């Protein structure tokens, strides 16, 4: 058994549960005790640590962690020099990227970023926001927000830069988006020295492969069926295959077995059409991983 360990950072906070669920679908079970910052994992080669996503890139850059998961937003905020391994499109609510947006009160006169010259912007993403406005030559005061950022305009700030998935919280607080500063996805990142180590690089790449496979399987199902060769062309026309379906000869020379992957939302329309085209013995089955 290898004595080496990969020190892996798991984002603590809003992404924690979604990340642990993703690892479980990928084949690793992580057990997080509410009081401990060191969850256990059923892999002797990995040591986990819970770290705030906002700080993850700095700890990975400095080598306290070999690898970790954090948003691209916090890598840019900290301007961290890390190895980007892969993007992982998942978040606490959905499978979509989050957005950092510039928002103002619904009844404010501000329509463009330029209208905020000389005004106060509240945000947790301070350094990136400063650079954004500096590049546009718009003089603003950017203040760090410790939380509840949506309630600060117009009394405590003129505008905010806030992260959103659906925009519902902004609308609930009567805020209007006037600009999107960036879209951000979760990234698997690695310390550059750790990634230069052959054993750690292989382990990190294996983790990346399996996490991506788990994400690729979400919302997809497998279909298998039997088809007479005379009906095969018609059946293939129905299938929006991921790549190409697998076709295998059955013991009866007139028949083949067909196996493919579909988006789950299309199955209810596709199966009746497959039946009409001549497919029989149609079986739908769930997928846990799809390696692309």
Protein backbone atom coordinates (compact mmCIF):
# COMPACT_ATOMS: atom_id res chain seq x y z
CA UNK A 1 0.00 0.00 0.00
CA UNK A 2 1.34 3.42 -0.92
CA UNK A 3 2.42 5.63 2.00
CA UNK A 4 1.86 8.77 -0.02
CA UNK A 5 -1.16 10.93 0.64
CA UNK A 6 -2.95 13.44 -1.55
CA UNK A 7 -4.04 16.40 0.59
CA UNK A 8 -7.39 17.39 -0.89
CA UNK A 9 -9.40 20.49 -0.02
CA UNK A 10 -13.20 20.18 0.05
CA UNK A 11 -15.07 23.52 -0.06
CA UNK A 12 -16.75 24.25 3.26
CA UNK A 13 -20.05 26.09 3.21
CA UNK A 14 -22.59 26.36 0.42
CA UNK A 15 -20.79 23.91 -1.89
CA UNK A 16 -19.95 21.33 0.76
CA UNK A 17 -23.00 19.07 0.47
CA UNK A 18 -23.05 19.23 -3.35
CA UNK A 19 -19.34 18.37 -3.47
CA UNK A 20 -19.65 15.41 -1.10
CA UNK A 21 -22.63 14.15 -3.13
CA UNK A 22 -20.61 14.47 -6.34
CA UNK A 23 -17.71 12.50 -4.85
CA UNK A 24 -20.14 9.78 -3.78
CA UNK A 25 -21.48 9.48 -7.32
CA UNK A 26 -17.87 9.31 -8.51
CA UNK A 27 -17.10 6.43 -6.13
CA UNK A 28 -15.72 8.06 -2.96
CA UNK A 29 -17.63 8.30 0.31
CA UNK A 30 -16.71 11.32 2.41
CA UNK A 31 -17.95 11.51 6.00
CA UNK A 32 -18.02 15.05 7.39
CA UNK A 33 -18.48 15.45 11.13
CA UNK A 34 -20.11 18.79 11.87
CA UNK A 35 -17.35 19.78 14.32
CA UNK A 36 -14.31 18.54 12.44
CA UNK A 37 -12.47 20.21 9.58
CA UNK A 38 -10.94 16.84 8.61
CA UNK A 39 -13.59 14.59 7.06
CA UNK A 40 -12.82 10.93 6.57
CA UNK A 41 -12.82 9.36 3.11
CA UNK A 42 -12.83 5.70 2.07
CA UNK A 43 -9.54 6.04 0.19
CA UNK A 44 -6.27 5.47 2.03
CA UNK A 45 -4.44 7.61 -0.52
CA UNK A 46 -6.42 10.79 0.23
CA UNK A 47 -6.60 13.11 3.24
CA UNK A 48 -9.44 15.64 3.17
CA UNK A 49 -9.69 19.05 4.75
CA UNK A 50 -12.67 21.42 4.75
CA UNK A 51 -11.62 24.89 3.62
CA UNK A 52 -13.69 27.90 2.64
CA UNK A 53 -13.87 28.20 -1.14
CA UNK A 54 -12.71 31.82 -0.83
CA UNK A 55 -9.38 30.66 0.66
CA UNK A 56 -8.86 27.38 -1.17
CA UNK A 57 -6.75 28.69 -4.06
CA UNK A 58 -4.27 30.39 -1.71
CA UNK A 59 -3.74 27.23 0.34
CA UNK A 60 -3.28 25.17 -2.81
CA UNK A 61 -0.88 27.72 -4.30
CA UNK A 62 1.27 27.76 -1.15
CA UNK A 63 1.32 23.96 -0.86
CA UNK A 64 -0.69 23.48 2.33
CA UNK A 65 -2.99 21.43 0.08
CA UNK A 66 -2.01 19.41 -2.98
CA UNK A 67 -5.36 19.93 -4.69
CA UNK A 68 -8.79 21.33 -4.00
CA UNK A 69 -12.11 22.41 -5.41
CA UNK A 70 -13.07 26.06 -5.59
CA UNK A 71 -14.76 28.50 -7.90
CA UNK A 72 -12.96 30.17 -10.74
CA UNK A 73 -14.17 33.42 -9.16
CA UNK A 74 -11.99 32.92 -6.07
CA UNK A 75 -8.97 31.92 -8.15
CA UNK A 76 -9.30 35.22 -10.01
CA UNK A 77 -10.05 37.17 -6.84
CA UNK A 78 -6.81 35.93 -5.22
CA UNK A 79 -4.87 35.89 -8.53
CA UNK A 80 -3.57 32.48 -7.44
CA UNK A 81 -0.89 30.68 -9.44
CA UNK A 82 -2.28 27.15 -9.51
CA UNK A 83 -2.64 24.31 -11.99
CA UNK A 84 -6.19 24.20 -13.34
CA UNK A 85 -7.11 20.56 -13.84
CA UNK A 86 -10.74 20.67 -14.97
CA UNK A 87 -13.97 22.63 -14.76
CA UNK A 88 -16.80 20.92 -12.91
CA UNK A 89 -20.19 22.43 -13.67
CA UNK A 90 -22.16 21.95 -10.50
CA UNK A 91 -23.31 24.32 -7.77
CA UNK A 92 -25.37 24.23 -4.60
CA UNK A 93 -28.70 24.51 -6.44
CA UNK A 94 -28.15 23.43 -10.02
CA UNK A 95 -25.79 22.16 -12.70
CA UNK A 96 -25.32 25.68 -14.07
CA UNK A 97 -22.47 28.15 -13.71
CA UNK A 98 -23.02 30.95 -11.21
CA UNK A 99 -22.78 34.62 -12.16
CA UNK A 100 -21.30 37.63 -10.40
CA UNK A 101 -23.51 40.56 -11.27
CA UNK A 102 -23.64 44.29 -10.65
CA UNK A 103 -27.04 45.11 -9.18
CA UNK A 104 -28.80 48.28 -8.06
CA UNK A 105 -32.19 49.05 -6.49
CA UNK A 106 -35.09 48.69 -8.93
CA UNK A 107 -36.04 52.36 -8.60
CA UNK A 108 -32.50 53.78 -8.81
CA UNK A 109 -31.46 55.94 -11.78
CA UNK A 110 -28.36 53.81 -12.49
CA UNK A 111 -28.48 51.98 -15.83
CA UNK A 112 -24.80 51.32 -16.66
CA UNK A 113 -21.59 50.74 -14.68
CA UNK A 114 -20.45 54.23 -15.78
CA UNK A 115 -23.39 55.74 -13.88
CA UNK A 116 -21.83 54.56 -10.62
CA UNK A 117 -18.77 56.84 -10.84
CA UNK A 118 -18.00 58.17 -7.36
CA UNK A 119 -20.40 55.71 -5.73
CA UNK A 120 -20.01 52.88 -3.18
CA UNK A 121 -20.07 49.23 -4.26
CA UNK A 122 -20.47 46.51 -1.61
CA UNK A 123 -19.22 43.00 -2.37
CA UNK A 124 -17.32 39.99 -1.09
CA UNK A 125 -15.40 39.90 -4.38
CA UNK A 126 -13.43 43.04 -3.57
CA UNK A 127 -10.18 42.78 -5.54
CA UNK A 128 -11.78 41.52 -8.76
CA UNK A 129 -14.42 44.26 -8.56
CA UNK A 130 -11.74 46.91 -8.04
CA UNK A 131 -9.86 45.65 -11.10
CA UNK A 132 -13.07 45.51 -13.15
CA UNK A 133 -13.94 49.16 -12.53
CA UNK A 134 -10.29 50.27 -12.83
CA UNK A 135 -10.06 48.70 -16.30
CA UNK A 136 -13.11 50.75 -17.30
CA UNK A 137 -11.63 53.89 -15.71
CA UNK A 138 -14.70 54.28 -13.49
CA UNK A 139 -13.77 55.67 -10.04
CA UNK A 140 -15.75 53.85 -7.34
CA UNK A 141 -15.27 52.89 -3.70
CA UNK A 142 -15.42 49.13 -3.21
CA UNK A 143 -16.24 47.97 0.31
CA UNK A 144 -16.02 44.43 1.65
CA UNK A 145 -19.38 42.95 2.61
CA UNK A 146 -19.48 40.40 5.40
CA UNK A 147 -22.84 39.07 4.28
CA UNK A 148 -26.45 40.04 3.63
CA UNK A 149 -25.12 42.06 0.73
CA UNK A 150 -28.52 42.29 -0.97
CA UNK A 151 -29.99 44.47 1.79
CA UNK A 152 -27.29 47.16 1.69
CA UNK A 153 -28.52 49.30 -1.23
CA UNK A 154 -29.47 52.07 -1.12
CA UNK A 155 -28.73 52.91 2.53
CA UNK A 156 -25.28 51.36 3.02
CA UNK A 157 -24.14 51.17 -0.62
CA UNK A 158 -25.26 52.44 -4.01
CA UNK A 159 -24.81 49.07 -5.73
CA UNK A 160 -23.57 45.56 -5.05
CA UNK A 161 -21.57 42.91 -6.86
CA UNK A 162 -23.12 39.62 -5.82
CA UNK A 163 -23.12 35.99 -6.87
CA UNK A 164 -26.36 34.47 -8.13
CA UNK A 165 -27.59 31.23 -9.65
CA UNK A 166 -31.20 32.08 -10.36
CA UNK A 167 -31.51 35.79 -9.49
CA UNK A 168 -34.39 35.03 -7.09
CA UNK A 169 -32.70 36.55 -4.05
CA UNK A 170 -31.93 39.74 -5.95
CA UNK A 171 -35.52 40.04 -7.14
CA UNK A 172 -36.82 39.35 -3.64
CA UNK A 173 -34.77 42.29 -2.41
CA UNK A 174 -36.00 44.53 -5.23
CA UNK A 175 -32.66 44.69 -7.01
CA UNK A 176 -32.05 45.00 -10.74
CA UNK A 177 -29.02 43.57 -12.60
CA UNK A 178 -27.23 46.08 -14.84
CA UNK A 179 -24.10 44.09 -15.73
CA UNK A 180 -22.63 40.58 -15.48
CA UNK A 181 -19.00 40.73 -14.39
CA UNK A 182 -18.21 37.04 -14.84
CA UNK A 183 -19.56 33.51 -14.95
CA UNK A 184 -17.86 31.04 -12.66
CA UNK A 185 -17.69 27.26 -12.43
CA UNK A 186 -16.12 25.04 -9.82
CA UNK A 187 -12.54 24.11 -10.68
CA UNK A 188 -10.38 21.23 -9.56
CA UNK A 189 -7.01 22.88 -9.00
CA UNK A 190 -3.60 21.59 -7.95
CA UNK A 191 -0.41 22.93 -6.48
CA UNK A 192 2.15 23.15 -9.28
CA UNK A 193 4.84 21.22 -7.38
CA UNK A 194 2.36 18.53 -6.37
CA UNK A 195 1.19 18.18 -9.95
CA UNK A 196 4.81 17.71 -11.06
CA UNK A 197 5.03 14.66 -8.78
CA UNK A 198 4.16 11.59 -10.86
CA UNK A 199 2.16 9.77 -8.16
CA UNK A 200 0.16 12.84 -7.11
CA UNK A 201 -0.47 13.88 -10.71
CA UNK A 202 -1.88 10.45 -11.55
CA UNK A 203 -4.09 10.48 -8.45
CA UNK A 204 -5.37 13.99 -9.23
CA UNK A 205 -6.05 13.05 -12.85
CA UNK A 206 -7.94 9.93 -11.72
CA UNK A 207 -10.09 12.04 -9.38
CA UNK A 208 -10.72 14.46 -12.25
CA UNK A 209 -11.72 11.62 -14.58
CA UNK A 210 -14.21 10.14 -12.14
CA UNK A 211 -15.76 13.46 -11.08
CA UNK A 212 -16.31 14.38 -14.72
CA UNK A 213 -17.76 10.94 -15.39
CA UNK A 214 -20.25 11.41 -12.55
CA UNK A 215 -21.27 14.83 -13.86
CA UNK A 216 -21.60 13.52 -17.43
CA UNK A 217 -23.99 10.80 -16.20
CA UNK A 218 -26.37 13.28 -14.60
CA UNK A 219 -29.57 13.63 -16.58
CA UNK A 220 -28.67 10.71 -18.86
CA UNK A 221 -29.91 7.14 -19.02
CA UNK A 222 -28.99 4.04 -20.95
CA UNK A 223 -31.31 2.28 -23.37
CA UNK A 224 -30.92 -1.23 -24.71
CA UNK A 225 -33.21 -3.01 -27.14
CA UNK A 226 -33.43 -5.73 -29.76
CA UNK A 227 -33.93 -4.83 -33.41
CA UNK A 228 -34.42 -6.86 -36.57
CA UNK A 229 -31.75 -5.99 -39.11
CA UNK A 230 -34.46 -4.97 -41.57
CA UNK A 231 -35.66 -2.31 -39.09
CA UNK A 232 -32.21 -1.11 -37.97
CA UNK A 233 -32.01 1.90 -40.28
CA UNK A 234 -35.39 3.20 -39.10
CA UNK A 235 -34.48 2.69 -35.44
CA UNK A 236 -31.15 4.50 -35.82
CA UNK A 237 -32.93 7.50 -37.30
CA UNK A 238 -34.89 7.85 -34.05
CA UNK A 239 -31.86 7.80 -31.74
CA UNK A 240 -30.06 11.03 -30.75
CA UNK A 241 -27.05 9.03 -29.57
CA UNK A 242 -24.28 10.43 -27.41
CA UNK A 243 -21.76 9.24 -29.97
CA UNK A 244 -22.74 6.09 -31.84
CA UNK A 245 -24.88 3.28 -30.44
CA UNK A 246 -23.28 -0.09 -29.78
CA UNK A 247 -24.69 -2.81 -32.05
CA UNK A 248 -24.12 -6.50 -31.26
CA UNK A 249 -25.12 -9.60 -33.17
CA UNK A 250 -27.63 -11.86 -31.40
CA UNK A 251 -27.76 -15.65 -31.70
CA UNK A 252 -30.50 -15.22 -34.27
CA UNK A 253 -28.69 -13.90 -37.34
CA UNK A 254 -31.68 -11.71 -38.24
CA UNK A 255 -31.52 -9.73 -34.99
CA UNK A 256 -29.10 -7.34 -33.29
CA UNK A 257 -28.92 -5.82 -29.79
CA UNK A 258 -28.53 -2.04 -29.62
CA UNK A 259 -27.20 -0.07 -26.63
CA UNK A 260 -27.07 3.72 -26.38
CA UNK A 261 -27.15 6.73 -24.04
CA UNK A 262 -29.84 9.42 -24.09
CA UNK A 263 -30.75 12.58 -22.23
CA UNK A 264 -33.34 11.51 -19.69
CA UNK A 265 -35.77 14.27 -20.69
CA UNK A 266 -35.99 12.86 -24.24
CA UNK A 267 -36.78 9.26 -23.29
CA UNK A 268 -40.54 9.70 -22.96
CA UNK A 269 -40.70 10.81 -26.59
CA UNK A 270 -38.04 8.45 -27.96
CA UNK A 271 -39.27 5.11 -26.58
CA UNK A 272 -42.69 5.21 -28.34
CA UNK A 273 -40.96 6.13 -31.60
CA UNK A 274 -38.49 3.26 -31.16
CA UNK A 275 -41.39 0.88 -30.65
CA UNK A 276 -43.06 2.17 -33.80
CA UNK A 277 -39.79 1.75 -35.72
CA UNK A 278 -39.59 -1.93 -34.76
CA UNK A 279 -37.49 -2.07 -31.58
CA UNK A 280 -38.53 -4.67 -28.98
CA UNK A 281 -37.40 -5.57 -25.47
CA UNK A 282 -36.61 -1.93 -24.75
CA UNK A 283 -34.98 -1.48 -21.32
CA UNK A 284 -34.11 1.86 -19.71
CA UNK A 285 -31.41 1.79 -16.99
CA UNK A 286 -29.76 4.45 -14.83
CA UNK A 287 -26.17 5.58 -15.29
CA UNK A 288 -23.74 6.39 -12.49
CA UNK A 289 -20.78 7.44 -14.65
CA UNK A 290 -20.14 8.28 -18.30
CA UNK A 291 -16.46 8.51 -19.31
CA UNK A 292 -16.22 10.69 -22.39
